Amino acid sequence: MIEVSEVAAGVDIVIVSSKNDDFEGVYEYLTPGKTVAFIGSSGVGKSTLINKLLGEELFRTSEVREDDDKGRHTTTHRELVALPNGAFVIDTPGMRTLGLWNNEEGASVVFSDIEELACACRFSNCSHTNEPGCAILEALANGGLSEERWKSYQKLQIENAYTANESEYLKAKKEKFKAIAKIKRLGT
């Protein structure tokens, strides 16, 4: 939980287990008239959790594959379900990657601590790599900013740059898959 909170500062974290019937922490978010969507990778238990909340097996579920511990794509469409307490839940298919629609505002909210640090750098165009007076590098060195959180921020910035220019994004994606295919050809 500490690792997740370092990467997602300010986000409520609720640990649940459908296998152990430990999902009470979710109820505070499921208030009458409110709609909540469960999102995440295949096999994490979104549909299983909704079945538990409903008290019946409405959605088909599958076990995680034993050979690679990956989830199976069981849910194939989104579905809105009314819970007994008057809340609504949307069951969604598993996702491979998630991104932000509102890039600038979303990154500023999720990574406000890093944005504030960047504003404290000596140079306004600081690249946060080797400049003197870089508040990011200082925070990384003194433990005020975790390396994992910084990497998550950098990854999001790269993703945002790709999606800001769709043609460049598609070009980069095509190049990435060409490189993967080449590696696979060379490896076999």
N, C-alpha and C. Protein backbone atom coordinates (compact mmCIF):
# COMPACT_ATOMS: atom_id res chain seq x y z
N MET A 1 0.83 -1.19 0.00
CA MET A 1 0.00 0.00 0.00
C MET A 1 0.87 1.25 0.00
N ILE A 2 2.00 1.21 0.69
CA ILE A 2 2.90 2.36 0.73
C ILE A 2 3.43 2.67 -0.66
N GLU A 3 3.78 1.62 -1.43
CA GLU A 3 4.28 1.82 -2.79
C GLU A 3 3.24 2.51 -3.66
N VAL A 4 1.98 2.11 -3.55
CA VAL A 4 0.92 2.71 -4.34
C VAL A 4 0.71 4.16 -3.92
N SER A 5 0.70 4.44 -2.63
CA SER A 5 0.47 5.81 -2.18
C SER A 5 1.60 6.75 -2.58
N GLU A 6 2.82 6.22 -2.74
CA GLU A 6 3.93 7.06 -3.20
C GLU A 6 3.74 7.46 -4.65
N VAL A 7 3.19 6.57 -5.45
CA VAL A 7 2.98 6.85 -6.87
C VAL A 7 1.70 7.64 -7.10
N ALA A 8 0.69 7.41 -6.29
CA ALA A 8 -0.62 8.05 -6.47
C ALA A 8 -0.97 8.90 -5.26
N ALA A 9 -0.16 9.90 -4.98
CA ALA A 9 -0.38 10.76 -3.80
C ALA A 9 -1.75 11.42 -3.88
N GLY A 10 -2.44 11.44 -2.75
CA GLY A 10 -3.74 12.09 -2.67
C GLY A 10 -4.90 11.24 -3.15
N VAL A 11 -4.63 10.03 -3.57
CA VAL A 11 -5.68 9.13 -4.06
C VAL A 11 -6.04 8.17 -2.93
N ASP A 12 -7.35 8.02 -2.69
CA ASP A 12 -7.78 7.06 -1.67
C ASP A 12 -7.42 5.65 -2.14
N ILE A 13 -6.89 4.86 -1.24
CA ILE A 13 -6.53 3.47 -1.55
C ILE A 13 -7.35 2.57 -0.64
N VAL A 14 -8.09 1.66 -1.27
CA VAL A 14 -8.91 0.72 -0.52
C VAL A 14 -8.48 -0.69 -0.93
N ILE A 15 -8.06 -1.47 0.02
CA ILE A 15 -7.64 -2.84 -0.25
C ILE A 15 -8.83 -3.76 -0.02
N VAL A 16 -9.14 -4.56 -1.04
CA VAL A 16 -10.26 -5.49 -0.95
C VAL A 16 -9.82 -6.88 -1.37
N SER A 17 -10.57 -7.86 -0.93
CA SER A 17 -10.34 -9.25 -1.35
C SER A 17 -11.69 -9.94 -1.43
N SER A 18 -12.10 -10.23 -2.65
CA SER A 18 -13.35 -10.96 -2.83
C SER A 18 -13.23 -12.39 -2.32
N LYS A 19 -12.02 -12.96 -2.45
CA LYS A 19 -11.81 -14.33 -1.97
C LYS A 19 -12.00 -14.44 -0.47
N ASN A 20 -11.60 -13.39 0.26
CA ASN A 20 -11.73 -13.40 1.73
C ASN A 20 -12.96 -12.65 2.21
N ASP A 21 -13.85 -12.27 1.28
CA ASP A 21 -15.04 -11.47 1.62
C ASP A 21 -14.67 -10.22 2.40
N ASP A 22 -13.58 -9.59 2.03
CA ASP A 22 -13.12 -8.36 2.67
C ASP A 22 -13.25 -7.21 1.67
N PHE A 23 -14.46 -6.64 1.59
CA PHE A 23 -14.69 -5.56 0.65
C PHE A 23 -15.53 -4.44 1.26
N GLU A 24 -15.62 -4.42 2.57
CA GLU A 24 -16.42 -3.42 3.27
C GLU A 24 -15.94 -2.00 3.02
N GLY A 25 -14.63 -1.81 2.81
CA GLY A 25 -14.09 -0.47 2.60
C GLY A 25 -14.61 0.22 1.35
N VAL A 26 -15.18 -0.55 0.44
CA VAL A 26 -15.70 0.02 -0.81
C VAL A 26 -17.04 0.73 -0.57
N TYR A 27 -17.78 0.30 0.45
CA TYR A 27 -19.12 0.82 0.66
C TYR A 27 -19.18 2.32 0.88
N GLU A 28 -18.17 2.92 1.47
CA GLU A 28 -18.24 4.37 1.70
C GLU A 28 -18.24 5.17 0.40
N TYR A 29 -17.80 4.54 -0.70
CA TYR A 29 -17.80 5.20 -2.01
C TYR A 29 -19.06 4.89 -2.80
N LEU A 30 -19.84 3.94 -2.33
CA LEU A 30 -21.04 3.50 -3.03
C LEU A 30 -22.29 4.01 -2.32
N THR A 31 -22.53 5.29 -2.47
CA THR A 31 -23.69 5.91 -1.81
C THR A 31 -24.86 6.00 -2.79
N PRO A 32 -26.08 5.99 -2.28
CA PRO A 32 -27.26 6.03 -3.15
C PRO A 32 -27.19 7.18 -4.16
N GLY A 33 -27.47 6.84 -5.43
CA GLY A 33 -27.47 7.82 -6.50
C GLY A 33 -26.12 8.08 -7.13
N LYS A 34 -25.05 7.58 -6.52
CA LYS A 34 -23.71 7.79 -7.04
C LYS A 34 -23.34 6.66 -8.00
N THR A 35 -22.59 7.00 -9.08
CA THR A 35 -22.14 5.99 -10.03
C THR A 35 -20.63 5.86 -9.93
N VAL A 36 -20.17 4.62 -9.80
CA VAL A 36 -18.75 4.32 -9.66
C VAL A 36 -18.37 3.31 -10.75
N ALA A 37 -17.20 3.48 -11.36
CA ALA A 37 -16.72 2.51 -12.35
C ALA A 37 -15.49 1.81 -11.78
N PHE A 38 -15.47 0.50 -11.91
CA PHE A 38 -14.30 -0.27 -11.53
C PHE A 38 -13.47 -0.46 -12.79
N ILE A 39 -12.22 -0.03 -12.74
CA ILE A 39 -11.32 -0.17 -13.88
C ILE A 39 -10.04 -0.84 -13.41
N GLY A 40 -9.37 -1.50 -14.33
CA GLY A 40 -8.12 -2.14 -13.99
C GLY A 40 -7.80 -3.24 -14.98
N SER A 41 -6.71 -3.91 -14.74
CA SER A 41 -6.26 -4.98 -15.62
C SER A 41 -7.20 -6.17 -15.57
N SER A 42 -7.12 -6.99 -16.61
CA SER A 42 -7.92 -8.22 -16.63
C SER A 42 -7.52 -9.12 -15.47
N GLY A 43 -8.51 -9.71 -14.85
CA GLY A 43 -8.25 -10.68 -13.81
C GLY A 43 -8.04 -10.12 -12.42
N VAL A 44 -8.19 -8.81 -12.23
CA VAL A 44 -7.97 -8.27 -10.89
C VAL A 44 -9.18 -8.46 -10.00
N GLY A 45 -10.34 -8.83 -10.58
CA GLY A 45 -11.51 -9.13 -9.76
C GLY A 45 -12.60 -8.09 -9.78
N LYS A 46 -12.67 -7.28 -10.82
CA LYS A 46 -13.70 -6.25 -10.90
C LYS A 46 -15.10 -6.87 -10.91
N SER A 47 -15.33 -7.82 -11.80
CA SER A 47 -16.64 -8.46 -11.90
C SER A 47 -16.93 -9.30 -10.66
N THR A 48 -15.93 -9.95 -10.13
CA THR A 48 -16.11 -10.75 -8.91
C THR A 48 -16.54 -9.85 -7.75
N LEU A 49 -15.92 -8.69 -7.64
CA LEU A 49 -16.28 -7.75 -6.57
C LEU A 49 -17.72 -7.27 -6.75
N ILE A 50 -18.11 -6.96 -7.97
CA ILE A 50 -19.48 -6.51 -8.20
C ILE A 50 -20.47 -7.62 -7.85
N ASN A 51 -20.15 -8.86 -8.22
CA ASN A 51 -21.01 -9.98 -7.84
C ASN A 51 -21.17 -10.05 -6.32
N LYS A 52 -20.07 -9.86 -5.60
CA LYS A 52 -20.12 -9.89 -4.12
C LYS A 52 -21.01 -8.76 -3.59
N LEU A 53 -20.86 -7.57 -4.17
CA LEU A 53 -21.66 -6.42 -3.73
C LEU A 53 -23.15 -6.64 -4.02
N LEU A 54 -23.44 -7.31 -5.12
CA LEU A 54 -24.83 -7.61 -5.49
C LEU A 54 -25.42 -8.73 -4.65
N GLY A 55 -24.55 -9.63 -4.17
CA GLY A 55 -25.04 -10.79 -3.43
C GLY A 55 -25.54 -11.89 -4.35
N GLU A 56 -25.18 -11.81 -5.63
CA GLU A 56 -25.55 -12.84 -6.61
C GLU A 56 -24.52 -12.87 -7.73
N GLU A 57 -24.50 -13.97 -8.47
CA GLU A 57 -23.54 -14.14 -9.55
C GLU A 57 -24.14 -13.62 -10.86
N LEU A 58 -24.17 -12.32 -11.05
CA LEU A 58 -24.71 -11.72 -12.26
C LEU A 58 -23.71 -11.78 -13.40
N PHE A 59 -22.42 -11.57 -13.09
CA PHE A 59 -21.38 -11.52 -14.12
C PHE A 59 -20.56 -12.80 -14.13
N ARG A 60 -20.24 -13.26 -15.34
CA ARG A 60 -19.37 -14.41 -15.51
C ARG A 60 -17.95 -14.00 -15.14
N THR A 61 -17.24 -14.85 -14.42
CA THR A 61 -15.86 -14.58 -14.02
C THR A 61 -15.00 -15.78 -14.36
N SER A 62 -13.70 -15.56 -14.41
CA SER A 62 -12.75 -16.64 -14.69
C SER A 62 -11.59 -16.56 -13.72
N GLU A 63 -10.96 -17.69 -13.50
CA GLU A 63 -9.78 -17.72 -12.65
C GLU A 63 -8.59 -17.14 -13.41
N VAL A 64 -7.59 -16.70 -12.69
CA VAL A 64 -6.34 -16.24 -13.28
C VAL A 64 -5.63 -17.45 -13.86
N ARG A 65 -5.00 -17.28 -15.03
CA ARG A 65 -4.29 -18.40 -15.67
C ARG A 65 -3.12 -18.84 -14.80
N GLU A 66 -2.98 -20.14 -14.64
CA GLU A 66 -1.90 -20.68 -13.81
C GLU A 66 -0.53 -20.55 -14.45
N ASP A 67 -0.46 -20.65 -15.79
CA ASP A 67 0.84 -20.67 -16.45
C ASP A 67 1.58 -19.33 -16.39
N ASP A 68 0.84 -18.21 -16.37
CA ASP A 68 1.53 -16.92 -16.34
C ASP A 68 0.95 -15.93 -15.33
N ASP A 69 0.00 -16.38 -14.51
CA ASP A 69 -0.61 -15.54 -13.48
C ASP A 69 -1.30 -14.30 -14.04
N LYS A 70 -1.74 -14.35 -15.28
CA LYS A 70 -2.42 -13.22 -15.91
C LYS A 70 -3.92 -13.46 -15.87
N GLY A 71 -4.66 -12.35 -15.87
CA GLY A 71 -6.11 -12.45 -15.90
C GLY A 71 -6.61 -12.78 -17.29
N ARG A 72 -7.82 -13.30 -17.34
CA ARG A 72 -8.44 -13.63 -18.62
C ARG A 72 -9.44 -12.54 -18.97
N HIS A 73 -9.56 -12.21 -20.24
CA HIS A 73 -10.57 -11.25 -20.69
C HIS A 73 -11.92 -11.93 -20.67
N THR A 74 -12.65 -11.77 -19.57
CA THR A 74 -13.96 -12.39 -19.43
C THR A 74 -15.05 -11.37 -19.73
N THR A 75 -14.93 -10.17 -19.16
CA THR A 75 -15.89 -9.10 -19.41
C THR A 75 -15.57 -8.50 -20.78
N THR A 76 -16.59 -8.41 -21.63
CA THR A 76 -16.36 -7.92 -22.99
C THR A 76 -17.02 -6.58 -23.29
N HIS A 77 -17.82 -6.08 -22.36
CA HIS A 77 -18.50 -4.80 -22.58
C HIS A 77 -18.74 -4.11 -21.23
N ARG A 78 -19.04 -2.83 -21.28
CA ARG A 78 -19.36 -2.09 -20.06
C ARG A 78 -20.83 -2.33 -19.73
N GLU A 79 -21.12 -2.41 -18.44
CA GLU A 79 -22.50 -2.59 -18.04
C GLU A 79 -22.76 -1.85 -16.73
N LEU A 80 -23.85 -1.08 -16.72
CA LEU A 80 -24.26 -0.34 -15.53
C LEU A 80 -25.19 -1.21 -14.71
N VAL A 81 -24.91 -1.31 -13.41
CA VAL A 81 -25.68 -2.17 -12.52
C VAL A 81 -26.11 -1.37 -11.30
N ALA A 82 -27.37 -1.53 -10.91
CA ALA A 82 -27.88 -0.90 -9.69
C ALA A 82 -27.62 -1.84 -8.52
N LEU A 83 -26.96 -1.31 -7.49
CA LEU A 83 -26.72 -2.10 -6.29
C LEU A 83 -27.93 -2.00 -5.36
N PRO A 84 -28.08 -2.93 -4.44
CA PRO A 84 -29.22 -2.91 -3.53
C PRO A 84 -29.35 -1.61 -2.71
N ASN A 85 -28.22 -0.93 -2.45
CA ASN A 85 -28.29 0.29 -1.64
C ASN A 85 -28.61 1.55 -2.44
N GLY A 86 -28.83 1.42 -3.77
CA GLY A 86 -29.17 2.58 -4.59
C GLY A 86 -27.99 3.20 -5.32
N ALA A 87 -26.80 2.68 -5.10
CA ALA A 87 -25.63 3.15 -5.85
C ALA A 87 -25.59 2.40 -7.18
N PHE A 88 -24.81 2.94 -8.12
CA PHE A 88 -24.65 2.30 -9.42
C PHE A 88 -23.18 2.01 -9.64
N VAL A 89 -22.91 0.85 -10.26
CA VAL A 89 -21.55 0.44 -10.54
C VAL A 89 -21.46 0.09 -12.02
N ILE A 90 -20.35 0.49 -12.64
CA ILE A 90 -20.11 0.13 -14.02
C ILE A 90 -19.00 -0.92 -14.03
N ASP A 91 -19.35 -2.10 -14.58
CA ASP A 91 -18.34 -3.14 -14.78
C ASP A 91 -17.71 -2.88 -16.13
N THR A 92 -16.39 -2.92 -16.20
CA THR A 92 -15.67 -2.62 -17.44
C THR A 92 -14.75 -3.76 -17.82
N PRO A 93 -14.46 -3.92 -19.12
CA PRO A 93 -13.46 -4.93 -19.52
C PRO A 93 -12.09 -4.53 -18.99
N GLY A 94 -11.20 -5.50 -18.90
CA GLY A 94 -9.84 -5.22 -18.46
C GLY A 94 -9.12 -4.31 -19.44
N MET A 95 -8.19 -3.53 -18.90
CA MET A 95 -7.43 -2.58 -19.71
C MET A 95 -5.95 -2.91 -19.65
N ARG A 96 -5.27 -2.63 -20.73
CA ARG A 96 -3.82 -2.83 -20.74
C ARG A 96 -3.09 -1.61 -20.24
N THR A 97 -3.56 -0.43 -20.66
CA THR A 97 -2.93 0.81 -20.21
C THR A 97 -4.00 1.84 -19.93
N LEU A 98 -3.71 2.74 -19.04
CA LEU A 98 -4.61 3.84 -18.72
C LEU A 98 -3.86 5.15 -18.93
N GLY A 99 -4.56 6.14 -19.38
CA GLY A 99 -3.96 7.46 -19.56
C GLY A 99 -4.93 8.52 -19.09
N LEU A 100 -4.49 9.75 -19.10
CA LEU A 100 -5.34 10.85 -18.70
C LEU A 100 -5.91 11.54 -19.93
N TRP A 101 -7.19 11.90 -19.86
CA TRP A 101 -7.80 12.63 -20.97
C TRP A 101 -7.41 14.09 -20.89
N ASN A 102 -7.44 14.66 -19.70
CA ASN A 102 -7.10 16.07 -19.53
C ASN A 102 -5.66 16.11 -19.06
N ASN A 103 -4.74 16.06 -20.00
CA ASN A 103 -3.33 15.87 -19.70
C ASN A 103 -2.76 16.90 -18.73
N GLU A 104 -2.91 18.17 -19.04
CA GLU A 104 -2.28 19.20 -18.22
C GLU A 104 -2.88 19.25 -16.82
N GLU A 105 -4.19 19.37 -16.74
CA GLU A 105 -4.83 19.48 -15.44
C GLU A 105 -4.68 18.18 -14.64
N GLY A 106 -4.84 17.04 -15.32
CA GLY A 106 -4.73 15.75 -14.63
C GLY A 106 -3.36 15.54 -14.03
N ALA A 107 -2.32 15.82 -14.79
CA ALA A 107 -0.96 15.64 -14.28
C ALA A 107 -0.69 16.61 -13.14
N SER A 108 -1.21 17.81 -13.25
CA SER A 108 -1.00 18.80 -12.19
C SER A 108 -1.66 18.38 -10.88
N VAL A 109 -2.81 17.73 -10.99
CA VAL A 109 -3.51 17.28 -9.79
C VAL A 109 -2.83 16.06 -9.18
N VAL A 110 -2.56 15.07 -10.01
CA VAL A 110 -1.99 13.81 -9.53
C VAL A 110 -0.56 14.00 -9.04
N PHE A 111 0.19 14.85 -9.70
CA PHE A 111 1.61 15.07 -9.36
C PHE A 111 1.85 16.50 -8.90
N SER A 112 0.96 17.05 -8.11
CA SER A 112 1.10 18.44 -7.65
C SER A 112 2.38 18.64 -6.86
N ASP A 113 2.82 17.64 -6.12
CA ASP A 113 4.05 17.75 -5.35
C ASP A 113 5.26 17.94 -6.27
N ILE A 114 5.28 17.21 -7.38
CA ILE A 114 6.39 17.33 -8.32
C ILE A 114 6.33 18.66 -9.06
N GLU A 115 5.13 19.10 -9.41
CA GLU A 115 4.97 20.39 -10.08
C GLU A 115 5.46 21.52 -9.18
N GLU A 116 5.17 21.42 -7.88
CA GLU A 116 5.63 22.44 -6.93
C GLU A 116 7.16 22.42 -6.82
N LEU A 117 7.73 21.23 -6.76
CA LEU A 117 9.19 21.13 -6.72
C LEU A 117 9.82 21.75 -7.96
N ALA A 118 9.26 21.47 -9.12
CA ALA A 118 9.80 22.00 -10.38
C ALA A 118 9.79 23.52 -10.39
N CYS A 119 8.77 24.10 -9.78
CA CYS A 119 8.68 25.57 -9.70
C CYS A 119 9.78 26.15 -8.81
N ALA A 120 10.33 25.32 -7.93
CA ALA A 120 11.37 25.79 -7.01
C ALA A 120 12.78 25.65 -7.59
N CYS A 121 12.89 25.11 -8.81
CA CYS A 121 14.20 24.98 -9.44
C CYS A 121 14.79 26.36 -9.74
N ARG A 122 16.11 26.45 -9.73
CA ARG A 122 16.80 27.72 -9.98
C ARG A 122 16.49 28.24 -11.39
N PHE A 123 16.43 27.33 -12.36
CA PHE A 123 16.19 27.72 -13.75
C PHE A 123 14.78 27.31 -14.17
N SER A 124 14.07 28.21 -14.84
CA SER A 124 12.70 27.91 -15.24
C SER A 124 12.63 26.84 -16.33
N ASN A 125 13.70 26.66 -17.09
CA ASN A 125 13.71 25.63 -18.13
C ASN A 125 14.54 24.40 -17.68
N CYS A 126 14.57 24.15 -16.40
CA CYS A 126 15.34 23.05 -15.83
C CYS A 126 14.87 21.71 -16.43
N SER A 127 15.82 20.90 -16.85
CA SER A 127 15.49 19.58 -17.40
C SER A 127 15.49 18.50 -16.31
N HIS A 128 15.89 18.88 -15.11
CA HIS A 128 15.92 17.97 -13.95
C HIS A 128 16.86 16.80 -14.19
N THR A 129 17.95 17.07 -14.87
CA THR A 129 18.93 16.01 -15.13
C THR A 129 20.28 16.29 -14.47
N ASN A 130 20.77 17.55 -14.58
CA ASN A 130 22.08 17.84 -13.99
C ASN A 130 22.29 19.32 -13.65
N GLU A 131 21.26 20.12 -13.74
CA GLU A 131 21.41 21.55 -13.48
C GLU A 131 21.62 21.82 -11.99
N PRO A 132 22.47 22.82 -11.68
CA PRO A 132 22.62 23.21 -10.27
C PRO A 132 21.33 23.90 -9.81
N GLY A 133 20.97 23.66 -8.58
CA GLY A 133 19.77 24.29 -8.04
C GLY A 133 18.48 23.61 -8.45
N CYS A 134 18.56 22.37 -8.92
CA CYS A 134 17.36 21.62 -9.32
C CYS A 134 16.69 21.05 -8.07
N ALA A 135 15.48 21.49 -7.81
CA ALA A 135 14.74 21.05 -6.62
C ALA A 135 14.33 19.58 -6.74
N ILE A 136 14.10 19.10 -7.95
CA ILE A 136 13.73 17.70 -8.16
C ILE A 136 14.91 16.79 -7.78
N LEU A 137 16.09 17.11 -8.32
CA LEU A 137 17.27 16.29 -8.01
C LEU A 137 17.59 16.32 -6.52
N GLU A 138 17.42 17.48 -5.91
CA GLU A 138 17.67 17.60 -4.48
C GLU A 138 16.69 16.73 -3.69
N ALA A 139 15.40 16.76 -4.07
CA ALA A 139 14.38 15.94 -3.39
C ALA A 139 14.64 14.46 -3.59
N LEU A 140 15.11 14.08 -4.77
CA LEU A 140 15.45 12.68 -5.02
C LEU A 140 16.62 12.25 -4.14
N ALA A 141 17.60 13.14 -4.00
CA ALA A 141 18.81 12.83 -3.22
C ALA A 141 18.51 12.74 -1.73
N ASN A 142 17.62 13.60 -1.23
CA ASN A 142 17.38 13.60 0.22
C ASN A 142 16.16 12.77 0.64
N GLY A 143 15.55 12.07 -0.31
CA GLY A 143 14.42 11.21 0.03
C GLY A 143 13.08 11.91 0.08
N GLY A 144 13.03 13.17 -0.27
CA GLY A 144 11.76 13.90 -0.28
C GLY A 144 10.86 13.50 -1.45
N LEU A 145 11.45 12.86 -2.45
CA LEU A 145 10.71 12.38 -3.61
C LEU A 145 11.24 10.99 -3.94
N SER A 146 10.33 10.03 -4.04
CA SER A 146 10.78 8.66 -4.34
C SER A 146 11.10 8.52 -5.82
N GLU A 147 12.04 7.66 -6.11
CA GLU A 147 12.45 7.39 -7.49
C GLU A 147 11.27 6.83 -8.29
N GLU A 148 10.44 5.99 -7.65
CA GLU A 148 9.30 5.38 -8.34
C GLU A 148 8.29 6.44 -8.76
N ARG A 149 8.02 7.38 -7.87
CA ARG A 149 7.06 8.44 -8.18
C ARG A 149 7.59 9.32 -9.30
N TRP A 150 8.88 9.66 -9.26
CA TRP A 150 9.50 10.47 -10.29
C TRP A 150 9.42 9.76 -11.65
N LYS A 151 9.68 8.45 -11.65
CA LYS A 151 9.61 7.69 -12.91
C LYS A 151 8.18 7.66 -13.44
N SER A 152 7.21 7.54 -12.55
CA SER A 152 5.80 7.56 -12.98
C SER A 152 5.45 8.91 -13.62
N TYR A 153 5.93 9.97 -13.01
CA TYR A 153 5.69 11.32 -13.55
C TYR A 153 6.33 11.46 -14.94
N GLN A 154 7.57 11.01 -15.06
CA GLN A 154 8.27 11.10 -16.34
C GLN A 154 7.55 10.28 -17.41
N LYS A 155 7.10 9.10 -17.04
CA LYS A 155 6.39 8.23 -17.98
C LYS A 155 5.11 8.92 -18.45
N LEU A 156 4.39 9.54 -17.54
CA LEU A 156 3.16 10.24 -17.91
C LEU A 156 3.46 11.42 -18.82
N GLN A 157 4.55 12.13 -18.56
CA GLN A 157 4.91 13.25 -19.41
C GLN A 157 5.23 12.78 -20.84
N ILE A 158 5.90 11.65 -20.95
CA ILE A 158 6.20 11.10 -22.27
C ILE A 158 4.91 10.70 -22.97
N GLU A 159 4.02 10.03 -22.24
CA GLU A 159 2.74 9.62 -22.82
C GLU A 159 1.94 10.84 -23.27
N ASN A 160 1.94 11.87 -22.45
CA ASN A 160 1.20 13.09 -22.80
C ASN A 160 1.78 13.75 -24.04
N ALA A 161 3.10 13.73 -24.16
CA ALA A 161 3.74 14.31 -25.34
C ALA A 161 3.34 13.53 -26.59
N TYR A 162 3.29 12.21 -26.48
CA TYR A 162 2.86 11.39 -27.62
C TYR A 162 1.43 11.71 -28.02
N THR A 163 0.53 11.72 -27.05
CA THR A 163 -0.87 11.91 -27.36
C THR A 163 -1.19 13.34 -27.77
N ALA A 164 -0.34 14.30 -27.41
CA ALA A 164 -0.57 15.68 -27.82
C ALA A 164 -0.47 15.82 -29.33
N ASN A 165 0.31 15.00 -29.94
CA ASN A 165 0.47 15.03 -31.39
C ASN A 165 0.20 13.62 -31.89
N GLU A 166 -1.03 13.37 -32.31
CA GLU A 166 -1.45 12.02 -32.64
C GLU A 166 -0.58 11.37 -33.72
N SER A 167 -0.20 12.13 -34.72
CA SER A 167 0.60 11.51 -35.79
C SER A 167 1.96 11.08 -35.26
N GLU A 168 2.55 11.88 -34.39
CA GLU A 168 3.83 11.49 -33.80
C GLU A 168 3.64 10.29 -32.88
N TYR A 169 2.52 10.26 -32.18
CA TYR A 169 2.21 9.14 -31.30
C TYR A 169 2.10 7.85 -32.11
N LEU A 170 1.34 7.91 -33.20
CA LEU A 170 1.15 6.71 -34.02
C LEU A 170 2.47 6.28 -34.66
N LYS A 171 3.28 7.23 -35.07
CA LYS A 171 4.59 6.92 -35.64
C LYS A 171 5.47 6.22 -34.59
N ALA A 172 5.50 6.77 -33.39
CA ALA A 172 6.31 6.18 -32.32
C ALA A 172 5.80 4.79 -31.96
N LYS A 173 4.49 4.62 -31.95
CA LYS A 173 3.90 3.32 -31.64
C LYS A 173 4.29 2.30 -32.71
N LYS A 174 4.23 2.71 -33.98
CA LYS A 174 4.60 1.82 -35.07
C LYS A 174 6.07 1.42 -34.97
N GLU A 175 6.93 2.37 -34.65
CA GLU A 175 8.36 2.09 -34.50
C GLU A 175 8.61 1.14 -33.33
N LYS A 176 7.86 1.34 -32.25
CA LYS A 176 8.01 0.48 -31.07
C LYS A 176 7.67 -0.97 -31.44
N PHE A 177 6.56 -1.17 -32.15
CA PHE A 177 6.16 -2.53 -32.51
C PHE A 177 7.10 -3.13 -33.56
N LYS A 178 7.67 -2.31 -34.44
CA LYS A 178 8.67 -2.81 -35.38
C LYS A 178 9.89 -3.34 -34.62
N ALA A 179 10.32 -2.56 -33.60
CA ALA A 179 11.47 -2.97 -32.80
C ALA A 179 11.19 -4.26 -32.05
N ILE A 180 9.97 -4.40 -31.51
CA ILE A 180 9.59 -5.62 -30.79
C ILE A 180 9.59 -6.80 -31.75
N ALA A 181 9.02 -6.60 -32.95
CA ALA A 181 8.99 -7.69 -33.94
C ALA A 181 10.39 -8.10 -34.35
N LYS A 182 11.28 -7.13 -34.49
CA LYS A 182 12.67 -7.43 -34.87
C LYS A 182 13.36 -8.25 -33.77
N ILE A 183 13.14 -7.86 -32.52
CA ILE A 183 13.73 -8.59 -31.39
C ILE A 183 13.21 -10.02 -31.36
N LYS A 184 11.91 -10.18 -31.61
CA LYS A 184 11.33 -11.53 -31.62
C LYS A 184 11.90 -12.37 -32.74
N ARG A 185 12.09 -11.76 -33.94
CA ARG A 185 12.66 -12.50 -35.07
C ARG A 185 14.08 -12.93 -34.77
N LEU A 186 14.86 -12.04 -34.16
CA LEU A 186 16.25 -12.35 -33.85
C LEU A 186 16.36 -13.39 -32.74
N GLY A 187 15.37 -13.41 -31.87
CA GLY A 187 15.40 -14.33 -30.73
C GLY A 187 14.97 -15.74 -31.09
N THR A 188 14.33 -15.91 -32.24
CA THR A 188 13.86 -17.27 -32.59
C THR A 188 14.70 -17.90 -33.66
